[in-house]
Amino acid sequence: MRCLSVVLSLSGFFIPAVAQAEWTYLSSADGDTVLLDKSTLVQNKNRNSTIWMLTNFGNPTAQDVLSVAKWVEFDCDHNRYRYLAVYGYEGQMQTGAKLINIPKPSLWDKTKFGTVLKNIQLIACLRGPLLR
């Protein structure tokens, strides 16, 4: 029973962090806007960092979503990233029905220069007093 309460409390800890996020504007292009929730930034001692990002689309995607929240993990030493969770919604800012629900980590991929993910990695992997 104790194990179940720990699992429930942990699952309740991560989901509300996205639902009640404090989104900060990062960039926009072609009608799409990318935001970060800097309050979710976690920097681990193993030089990995995690942060939530949100993309609001100007037009519905092929999956009919207008916003996608992604929990991203960066391997700061090896210039790579993976998604720990991805959730897509029919409305912007995570409103409406949840149409995409992928709570499992993706495979690692290289972070390419000149991309939004590279800009997020630079923020997530920054250490020291300039962090927030």
Protein backbone atom coordinates (compact mmCIF):
# COMPACT_ATOMS: atom_id res chain seq x y z
CA MET A 1 0.00 0.00 0.00
CA ARG A 2 2.84 2.37 0.86
CA CYS A 3 4.42 1.72 -2.56
CA LEU A 4 1.16 2.64 -4.27
CA SER A 5 0.94 5.94 -2.40
CA VAL A 6 4.52 6.78 -3.38
CA VAL A 7 3.76 6.03 -7.04
CA LEU A 8 0.58 8.10 -6.94
CA SER A 9 2.31 11.02 -5.27
CA LEU A 10 5.17 10.91 -7.77
CA SER A 11 2.84 10.75 -10.75
CA GLY A 12 0.82 13.62 -9.32
CA PHE A 13 4.02 15.63 -8.90
CA PHE A 14 5.03 15.68 -12.57
CA ILE A 15 1.69 16.12 -14.33
CA PRO A 16 0.58 19.27 -12.44
CA ALA A 17 3.98 20.83 -13.15
CA VAL A 18 2.95 20.98 -16.79
CA ALA A 19 -0.70 21.87 -16.24
CA GLN A 20 0.14 24.83 -13.97
CA ALA A 21 3.30 25.90 -15.73
CA GLU A 22 4.84 29.35 -15.79
CA TRP A 23 5.64 29.54 -19.48
CA THR A 24 8.30 31.95 -20.73
CA TYR A 25 8.51 32.94 -24.40
CA LEU A 26 11.56 31.55 -26.23
CA SER A 27 10.96 31.98 -29.97
CA SER A 28 8.46 31.96 -32.80
CA ALA A 29 8.55 31.15 -36.50
CA ASP A 30 5.95 30.47 -39.18
CA GLY A 31 3.07 31.04 -36.74
CA ASP A 32 4.41 28.57 -34.16
CA THR A 33 5.53 29.73 -30.70
CA VAL A 34 7.93 27.93 -28.34
CA LEU A 35 7.82 28.50 -24.59
CA LEU A 36 9.78 27.13 -21.62
CA ASP A 37 8.85 26.53 -18.01
CA LYS A 38 12.12 27.50 -16.32
CA SER A 39 10.69 26.55 -12.92
CA THR A 40 10.86 22.88 -14.04
CA LEU A 41 14.57 23.01 -14.89
CA VAL A 42 16.48 20.28 -13.04
CA GLN A 43 20.24 19.96 -13.36
CA ASN A 44 21.61 16.62 -12.23
CA LYS A 45 25.12 15.94 -10.97
CA ASN A 46 25.70 13.60 -13.92
CA ARG A 47 25.52 16.70 -16.21
CA ASN A 48 22.05 15.90 -17.52
CA SER A 49 19.31 18.52 -17.36
CA THR A 50 15.54 18.30 -17.81
CA ILE A 51 13.02 21.02 -18.63
CA TRP A 52 9.46 21.30 -19.99
CA MET A 53 8.87 23.05 -23.32
CA LEU A 54 5.59 23.94 -25.01
CA THR A 55 4.98 24.54 -28.69
CA ASN A 56 1.81 26.38 -29.72
CA PHE A 57 1.06 25.83 -33.40
CA GLY A 58 -0.53 28.48 -35.59
CA ASN A 59 -2.45 25.79 -37.47
CA PRO A 60 -3.50 22.26 -36.45
CA THR A 61 -0.86 19.60 -37.09
CA ALA A 62 -1.46 16.31 -38.92
CA GLN A 63 -2.55 14.90 -35.53
CA ASP A 64 -5.04 17.81 -35.11
CA VAL A 65 -3.17 19.32 -32.15
CA LEU A 66 -2.54 23.00 -31.53
CA SER A 67 -0.10 22.59 -28.64
CA VAL A 68 2.48 20.00 -27.63
CA ALA A 69 4.20 19.85 -24.22
CA LYS A 70 7.50 17.97 -24.10
CA TRP A 71 9.63 17.01 -21.13
CA VAL A 72 13.13 17.18 -22.56
CA GLU A 73 16.32 15.69 -21.14
CA PHE A 74 19.70 16.97 -22.32
CA ASP A 75 23.00 15.12 -22.00
CA CYS A 76 25.10 18.26 -21.61
CA ASP A 77 28.46 16.54 -22.12
CA HIS A 78 27.52 14.57 -25.25
CA ASN A 79 25.39 17.18 -27.08
CA ARG A 80 22.26 15.05 -27.27
CA TYR A 81 18.64 15.08 -26.12
CA ARG A 82 15.60 12.86 -25.72
CA TYR A 83 11.95 13.38 -24.87
CA LEU A 84 10.92 11.87 -21.54
CA ALA A 85 7.23 12.56 -22.20
CA VAL A 86 5.16 14.17 -24.97
CA TYR A 87 1.54 15.37 -24.67
CA GLY A 88 -0.49 16.98 -27.45
CA TYR A 89 -3.69 19.00 -27.01
CA GLU A 90 -6.44 20.13 -29.34
CA GLY A 91 -6.14 23.75 -28.12
CA GLN A 92 -3.23 26.11 -27.56
CA MET A 93 -1.61 26.38 -24.12
CA GLN A 94 -2.56 22.77 -23.30
CA THR A 95 -6.30 23.32 -23.50
CA GLY A 96 -8.93 20.93 -24.81
CA ALA A 97 -8.67 17.18 -25.14
CA LYS A 98 -5.32 15.41 -24.82
CA LEU A 99 -4.83 13.80 -28.26
CA ILE A 100 -1.20 12.67 -27.88
CA ASN A 101 -0.06 10.79 -24.79
CA ILE A 102 3.50 9.40 -24.90
CA PRO A 103 4.80 9.00 -21.32
CA LYS A 104 7.84 6.88 -22.29
CA PRO A 105 11.34 8.19 -23.14
CA SER A 106 12.38 8.44 -26.78
CA LEU A 107 15.79 7.42 -28.09
CA TRP A 108 18.70 9.86 -27.76
CA ASP A 109 19.35 12.14 -30.74
CA LYS A 110 22.07 14.71 -31.48
CA THR A 111 21.27 18.35 -30.77
CA LYS A 112 21.89 20.29 -33.99
CA PHE A 113 23.19 23.85 -34.07
CA GLY A 114 20.74 26.50 -35.26
CA THR A 115 17.68 24.69 -33.85
CA VAL A 116 15.26 25.60 -31.08
CA LEU A 117 16.39 22.50 -29.17
CA LYS A 118 19.99 23.73 -29.25
CA ASN A 119 18.88 27.07 -27.79
CA ILE A 120 16.99 25.24 -25.03
CA GLN A 121 20.02 23.04 -24.37
CA LEU A 122 22.19 26.14 -23.90
CA ILE A 123 19.76 27.36 -21.24
CA ALA A 124 19.28 23.96 -19.58
CA CYS A 125 22.98 23.13 -19.40
CA LEU A 126 24.17 26.54 -18.17
CA ARG A 127 25.69 26.30 -14.70
CA GLY A 128 26.30 29.02 -12.16
CA PRO A 129 24.74 32.34 -11.08
CA LEU A 130 23.41 33.26 -14.55
CA LEU A 131 21.03 30.32 -14.50
CA ARG A 132 17.74 32.03 -13.65
